[in-house]
Amino acid sequence: MMKITRQHIILTLTLALALTACSKQNWYQGMQSAQTADCMKGPASEYDDCNKQSDETYNDYQKSREDLTKDPSHPE
């Protein structure tokens, strides 16, 4: 029987956290793709304005989220 060591636990937790972060980023990118597809359904004259709404990168989105949770004027 395999002995579970502290290193195994740390490795497992690290992998779990990495996979969670990856899936959140994939979800965000999927939503961006859906927004772009919706923009294509509208009038060509509104495409650029519509598409600007999904220009934010995941890292920028994450930073904005973190800033909002730190801002005391925005209660959780």
Protein backbone atom coordinates (compact mmCIF):
# COMPACT_ATOMS: atom_id res chain seq x y z
CA MET A 1 0.00 0.00 0.00
CA MET A 2 1.29 3.45 -0.93
CA LYS A 3 2.09 5.77 1.94
CA ILE A 4 0.61 9.25 1.52
CA THR A 5 3.23 11.83 2.34
CA ARG A 6 3.10 15.57 2.77
CA GLN A 7 4.63 15.93 -0.70
CA HIS A 8 1.79 13.91 -2.24
CA ILE A 9 -0.79 16.13 -0.55
CA ILE A 10 0.97 19.33 -1.64
CA LEU A 11 1.31 18.06 -5.21
CA THR A 12 -2.37 17.06 -5.31
CA LEU A 13 -3.53 20.43 -3.97
CA THR A 14 -1.25 22.31 -6.38
CA LEU A 15 -2.60 20.37 -9.36
CA ALA A 16 -6.18 20.90 -8.21
CA LEU A 17 -5.63 24.66 -7.95
CA ALA A 18 -3.93 24.79 -11.35
CA LEU A 19 -6.76 22.88 -13.01
CA THR A 20 -9.38 25.14 -11.41
CA ALA A 21 -7.63 28.27 -12.66
CA CYS A 22 -7.30 26.78 -16.12
CA SER A 23 -10.96 25.87 -16.32
CA LYS A 24 -12.02 29.39 -15.23
CA GLN A 25 -9.86 30.90 -17.95
CA ASN A 26 -11.27 28.48 -20.53
CA TRP A 27 -14.80 29.37 -19.42
CA TYR A 28 -14.03 33.08 -19.80
CA GLN A 29 -12.54 32.59 -23.26
CA GLY A 30 -15.58 30.55 -24.26
CA MET A 31 -17.85 33.39 -23.17
CA GLN A 32 -15.74 35.81 -25.22
CA SER A 33 -16.16 33.59 -28.29
CA ALA A 34 -19.91 33.45 -27.74
CA GLN A 35 -20.03 37.26 -27.46
CA THR A 36 -18.07 37.60 -30.72
CA ALA A 37 -20.47 35.19 -32.44
CA ASP A 38 -23.44 37.21 -31.17
CA CYS A 39 -21.83 40.38 -32.50
CA MET A 40 -21.63 38.79 -35.95
CA LYS A 41 -25.41 38.27 -35.92
CA GLY A 42 -26.08 41.99 -35.53
CA PRO A 43 -25.74 44.81 -38.05
CA ALA A 44 -22.26 45.33 -39.48
CA SER A 45 -22.36 48.98 -38.37
CA GLU A 46 -22.56 47.87 -34.71
CA TYR A 47 -19.99 45.05 -34.91
CA ASP A 48 -16.98 47.04 -33.67
CA ASP A 49 -18.82 48.55 -30.70
CA CYS A 50 -20.33 45.20 -29.80
CA ASN A 51 -16.99 43.41 -30.07
CA LYS A 52 -15.24 45.94 -27.79
CA GLN A 53 -17.29 44.52 -24.92
CA SER A 54 -15.39 41.24 -25.15
CA ASP A 55 -11.89 42.66 -25.73
CA GLU A 56 -10.78 42.38 -22.09
CA THR A 57 -8.18 39.66 -21.53
CA TYR A 58 -8.70 37.08 -18.80
CA ASN A 59 -5.83 38.57 -16.78
CA ASP A 60 -7.40 42.04 -16.97
CA TYR A 61 -10.78 40.58 -16.04
CA GLN A 62 -9.26 38.75 -13.06
CA LYS A 63 -7.51 41.92 -11.88
CA SER A 64 -10.76 43.89 -12.14
CA ARG A 65 -12.53 41.21 -10.10
CA GLU A 66 -9.84 41.30 -7.43
CA ASP A 67 -9.97 45.11 -7.29
CA LEU A 68 -13.75 45.01 -6.82
CA THR A 69 -13.50 42.58 -3.93
CA LYS A 70 -10.94 44.82 -2.23
CA ASP A 71 -12.98 48.03 -2.75
CA PRO A 72 -14.94 48.81 0.44
CA SER A 73 -17.58 50.72 -1.55
CA HIS A 74 -18.62 47.41 -3.19
CA PRO A 75 -19.84 45.07 -0.42
CA GLU A 76 -19.74 41.36 -1.14
